[in-house]
Amino acid sequence: MNKILVLSTTKAKFILSTWHSNQYRTNTTLETLWKPFHVVTQEHFYHIGAKESNRNAMLEALVMNFIPKKIKSELNRQSQPLLFE
């Protein structure tokens, strides 16, 4: 059975951490495999790299099959909702 289908029908909650995009490319699996799920993004910066030019901003993504209570109350805000404070 397709793993994505199993995650769509389970009563269990899950969170998957993955990358969304950076200045060079976008994670296309978010639009293909993970589209039915809720995605929260947060930008962060990689401070580690052999060369300073390799240290770039990255948009991280949390994919989940539920909307956390904290985010539900903030969905009407214009700014990026926070998962944790």
N, C-alpha and C. Protein backbone atom coordinates (compact mmCIF):
# COMPACT_ATOMS: atom_id res chain seq x y z
N MET A 1 0.84 -1.19 0.00
CA MET A 1 0.00 0.00 0.00
C MET A 1 0.88 1.25 0.00
N ASN A 2 0.46 2.27 -0.68
CA ASN A 2 1.18 3.52 -0.77
C ASN A 2 1.34 4.15 0.62
N LYS A 3 2.57 4.51 0.98
CA LYS A 3 2.84 5.08 2.31
C LYS A 3 2.11 6.40 2.54
N ILE A 4 1.98 7.20 1.50
CA ILE A 4 1.28 8.48 1.63
C ILE A 4 -0.21 8.22 1.89
N LEU A 5 -0.77 7.24 1.23
CA LEU A 5 -2.17 6.88 1.46
C LEU A 5 -2.38 6.42 2.90
N VAL A 6 -1.46 5.64 3.42
CA VAL A 6 -1.55 5.18 4.81
C VAL A 6 -1.52 6.38 5.75
N LEU A 7 -0.64 7.33 5.50
CA LEU A 7 -0.56 8.51 6.36
C LEU A 7 -1.82 9.37 6.24
N SER A 8 -2.47 9.34 5.09
CA SER A 8 -3.70 10.11 4.90
C SER A 8 -4.88 9.52 5.67
N THR A 9 -4.84 8.23 5.92
CA THR A 9 -5.99 7.58 6.54
C THR A 9 -5.78 7.22 8.01
N THR A 10 -4.58 7.36 8.51
CA THR A 10 -4.30 6.98 9.90
C THR A 10 -4.91 7.97 10.89
N LYS A 11 -5.25 7.49 12.07
CA LYS A 11 -5.71 8.37 13.14
C LYS A 11 -4.54 8.94 13.92
N ALA A 12 -3.36 8.34 13.71
CA ALA A 12 -2.15 8.83 14.39
C ALA A 12 -1.70 10.14 13.77
N LYS A 13 -1.12 11.01 14.57
CA LYS A 13 -0.58 12.27 14.08
C LYS A 13 0.89 12.08 13.72
N PHE A 14 1.33 12.78 12.67
CA PHE A 14 2.74 12.73 12.32
C PHE A 14 3.24 14.11 11.94
N ILE A 15 4.53 14.31 12.09
CA ILE A 15 5.23 15.51 11.63
C ILE A 15 6.49 15.05 10.91
N LEU A 16 6.69 15.54 9.71
CA LEU A 16 7.87 15.25 8.92
C LEU A 16 8.64 16.55 8.73
N SER A 17 9.91 16.55 9.06
CA SER A 17 10.77 17.71 8.83
C SER A 17 11.52 17.50 7.53
N THR A 18 11.45 18.49 6.64
CA THR A 18 12.14 18.42 5.36
C THR A 18 12.48 19.84 4.91
N TRP A 19 13.15 19.97 3.81
CA TRP A 19 13.46 21.30 3.30
C TRP A 19 12.41 21.72 2.28
N HIS A 20 12.12 22.99 2.23
CA HIS A 20 11.14 23.53 1.30
C HIS A 20 11.83 24.11 0.07
N SER A 21 12.76 25.03 0.30
CA SER A 21 13.44 25.68 -0.82
C SER A 21 14.65 26.46 -0.33
N ASN A 22 15.50 26.82 -1.27
CA ASN A 22 16.58 27.76 -1.03
C ASN A 22 16.72 28.62 -2.28
N GLN A 23 17.75 29.39 -2.36
CA GLN A 23 17.88 30.30 -3.51
C GLN A 23 18.15 29.57 -4.82
N TYR A 24 18.50 28.30 -4.76
CA TYR A 24 18.85 27.56 -5.96
C TYR A 24 17.77 26.61 -6.47
N ARG A 25 16.95 26.09 -5.56
CA ARG A 25 15.97 25.09 -5.99
C ARG A 25 14.81 24.99 -4.99
N THR A 26 13.77 24.27 -5.41
CA THR A 26 12.57 24.04 -4.60
C THR A 26 12.33 22.54 -4.50
N ASN A 27 11.87 22.11 -3.35
CA ASN A 27 11.57 20.70 -3.12
C ASN A 27 10.24 20.36 -3.79
N THR A 28 10.29 19.73 -4.94
CA THR A 28 9.07 19.45 -5.71
C THR A 28 8.21 18.36 -5.08
N THR A 29 8.78 17.54 -4.19
CA THR A 29 7.96 16.50 -3.55
C THR A 29 6.91 17.10 -2.62
N LEU A 30 7.11 18.33 -2.16
CA LEU A 30 6.08 18.97 -1.33
C LEU A 30 4.81 19.20 -2.14
N GLU A 31 4.96 19.51 -3.42
CA GLU A 31 3.79 19.74 -4.28
C GLU A 31 3.21 18.44 -4.82
N THR A 32 4.02 17.39 -4.93
CA THR A 32 3.52 16.14 -5.50
C THR A 32 3.05 15.17 -4.42
N LEU A 33 3.94 14.77 -3.53
CA LEU A 33 3.59 13.77 -2.52
C LEU A 33 2.87 14.34 -1.30
N TRP A 34 3.30 15.49 -0.83
CA TRP A 34 2.82 16.00 0.45
C TRP A 34 1.74 17.06 0.33
N LYS A 35 1.22 17.31 -0.85
CA LYS A 35 0.21 18.35 -1.06
C LYS A 35 -1.05 18.21 -0.19
N PRO A 36 -1.54 16.99 0.09
CA PRO A 36 -2.77 16.87 0.89
C PRO A 36 -2.60 17.26 2.36
N PHE A 37 -1.38 17.48 2.81
CA PHE A 37 -1.12 17.70 4.23
C PHE A 37 -0.85 19.18 4.52
N HIS A 38 -0.87 19.51 5.79
CA HIS A 38 -0.60 20.86 6.26
C HIS A 38 0.91 21.08 6.31
N VAL A 39 1.39 22.19 5.76
CA VAL A 39 2.83 22.49 5.73
C VAL A 39 3.07 23.84 6.40
N VAL A 40 3.98 23.85 7.37
CA VAL A 40 4.41 25.08 8.04
C VAL A 40 5.86 25.30 7.68
N THR A 41 6.22 26.51 7.32
CA THR A 41 7.60 26.80 6.94
C THR A 41 8.24 27.79 7.91
N GLN A 42 9.56 27.70 7.98
CA GLN A 42 10.35 28.61 8.82
C GLN A 42 11.71 28.78 8.15
N GLU A 43 12.11 30.01 7.94
CA GLU A 43 13.42 30.25 7.35
C GLU A 43 14.50 30.18 8.42
N HIS A 44 15.61 29.59 8.07
CA HIS A 44 16.77 29.60 8.96
C HIS A 44 18.02 29.71 8.10
N PHE A 45 19.13 29.93 8.72
CA PHE A 45 20.39 30.16 8.03
C PHE A 45 21.40 29.10 8.44
N TYR A 46 22.06 28.50 7.44
CA TYR A 46 23.13 27.55 7.72
C TYR A 46 24.41 28.31 8.02
N HIS A 47 24.91 28.19 9.24
CA HIS A 47 26.14 28.87 9.62
C HIS A 47 27.36 27.99 9.45
N ILE A 48 27.16 26.74 9.03
CA ILE A 48 28.25 25.79 8.89
C ILE A 48 28.48 25.53 7.40
N GLY A 49 29.73 25.54 7.00
CA GLY A 49 30.09 25.26 5.62
C GLY A 49 31.57 25.50 5.45
N ALA A 50 32.19 24.72 4.60
CA ALA A 50 33.63 24.86 4.39
C ALA A 50 33.97 26.24 3.86
N LYS A 51 33.12 26.79 3.00
CA LYS A 51 33.33 28.12 2.46
C LYS A 51 32.17 29.02 2.91
N GLU A 52 32.45 30.27 3.11
CA GLU A 52 31.40 31.20 3.51
C GLU A 52 30.30 31.26 2.46
N SER A 53 30.65 31.08 1.20
CA SER A 53 29.65 31.11 0.12
C SER A 53 28.68 29.94 0.19
N ASN A 54 29.05 28.87 0.93
CA ASN A 54 28.16 27.72 1.09
C ASN A 54 27.17 27.90 2.23
N ARG A 55 27.26 28.96 2.97
CA ARG A 55 26.38 29.22 4.11
C ARG A 55 25.23 30.11 3.64
N ASN A 56 24.07 29.51 3.47
CA ASN A 56 22.94 30.21 2.87
C ASN A 56 21.67 30.03 3.69
N ALA A 57 20.70 30.87 3.38
CA ALA A 57 19.38 30.75 4.00
C ALA A 57 18.65 29.56 3.38
N MET A 58 17.82 28.92 4.19
CA MET A 58 17.04 27.75 3.77
C MET A 58 15.64 27.88 4.35
N LEU A 59 14.65 27.52 3.57
CA LEU A 59 13.29 27.50 4.07
C LEU A 59 12.98 26.05 4.46
N GLU A 60 12.82 25.82 5.75
CA GLU A 60 12.54 24.49 6.29
C GLU A 60 11.02 24.28 6.27
N ALA A 61 10.59 23.04 6.14
CA ALA A 61 9.16 22.72 6.11
C ALA A 61 8.84 21.62 7.10
N LEU A 62 7.74 21.79 7.82
CA LEU A 62 7.18 20.73 8.65
C LEU A 62 5.88 20.30 8.00
N VAL A 63 5.80 19.04 7.63
CA VAL A 63 4.61 18.47 7.00
C VAL A 63 3.87 17.67 8.07
N MET A 64 2.57 17.90 8.21
CA MET A 64 1.81 17.19 9.24
C MET A 64 0.39 16.91 8.78
N ASN A 65 -0.23 15.94 9.39
CA ASN A 65 -1.61 15.58 9.04
C ASN A 65 -2.62 16.19 10.01
N PHE A 66 -2.23 17.26 10.65
CA PHE A 66 -3.13 17.98 11.57
C PHE A 66 -2.67 19.43 11.63
N ILE A 67 -3.52 20.27 12.16
CA ILE A 67 -3.14 21.67 12.38
C ILE A 67 -3.01 21.86 13.88
N PRO A 68 -1.81 22.17 14.39
CA PRO A 68 -1.63 22.35 15.83
C PRO A 68 -2.52 23.47 16.36
N LYS A 69 -2.97 23.33 17.60
CA LYS A 69 -3.86 24.31 18.22
C LYS A 69 -3.29 25.72 18.15
N LYS A 70 -2.00 25.86 18.39
CA LYS A 70 -1.35 27.17 18.37
C LYS A 70 -1.49 27.82 17.00
N ILE A 71 -1.33 27.05 15.96
CA ILE A 71 -1.43 27.58 14.59
C ILE A 71 -2.88 27.88 14.23
N LYS A 72 -3.81 27.05 14.66
CA LYS A 72 -5.23 27.29 14.38
C LYS A 72 -5.64 28.68 14.82
N SER A 73 -5.16 29.08 15.99
CA SER A 73 -5.55 30.40 16.51
C SER A 73 -4.83 31.54 15.81
N GLU A 74 -3.75 31.23 15.09
CA GLU A 74 -2.97 32.28 14.43
C GLU A 74 -3.14 32.30 12.92
N LEU A 75 -3.97 31.43 12.37
CA LEU A 75 -4.10 31.35 10.91
C LEU A 75 -4.63 32.63 10.29
N ASN A 76 -5.35 33.43 11.01
CA ASN A 76 -5.91 34.66 10.47
C ASN A 76 -4.91 35.81 10.48
N ARG A 77 -3.77 35.62 11.11
CA ARG A 77 -2.74 36.66 11.13
C ARG A 77 -2.05 36.73 9.78
N GLN A 78 -1.48 37.91 9.45
CA GLN A 78 -0.79 38.10 8.18
C GLN A 78 0.62 37.53 8.21
N SER A 79 1.25 37.45 9.37
CA SER A 79 2.63 36.98 9.45
C SER A 79 2.69 35.46 9.48
N GLN A 80 3.89 34.92 9.35
CA GLN A 80 4.13 33.49 9.37
C GLN A 80 3.74 32.94 10.73
N PRO A 81 2.86 31.92 10.78
CA PRO A 81 2.53 31.32 12.09
C PRO A 81 3.71 30.56 12.66
N LEU A 82 3.83 30.58 13.96
CA LEU A 82 4.91 29.89 14.64
C LEU A 82 4.41 28.58 15.22
N LEU A 83 5.21 27.55 15.11
CA LEU A 83 4.84 26.28 15.69
C LEU A 83 5.19 26.26 17.17
N PHE A 84 6.34 26.80 17.52
CA PHE A 84 6.79 26.86 18.91
C PHE A 84 7.22 28.29 19.23
N GLU A 85 7.03 28.71 20.44
CA GLU A 85 7.52 30.02 20.88
C GLU A 85 8.56 29.85 21.95
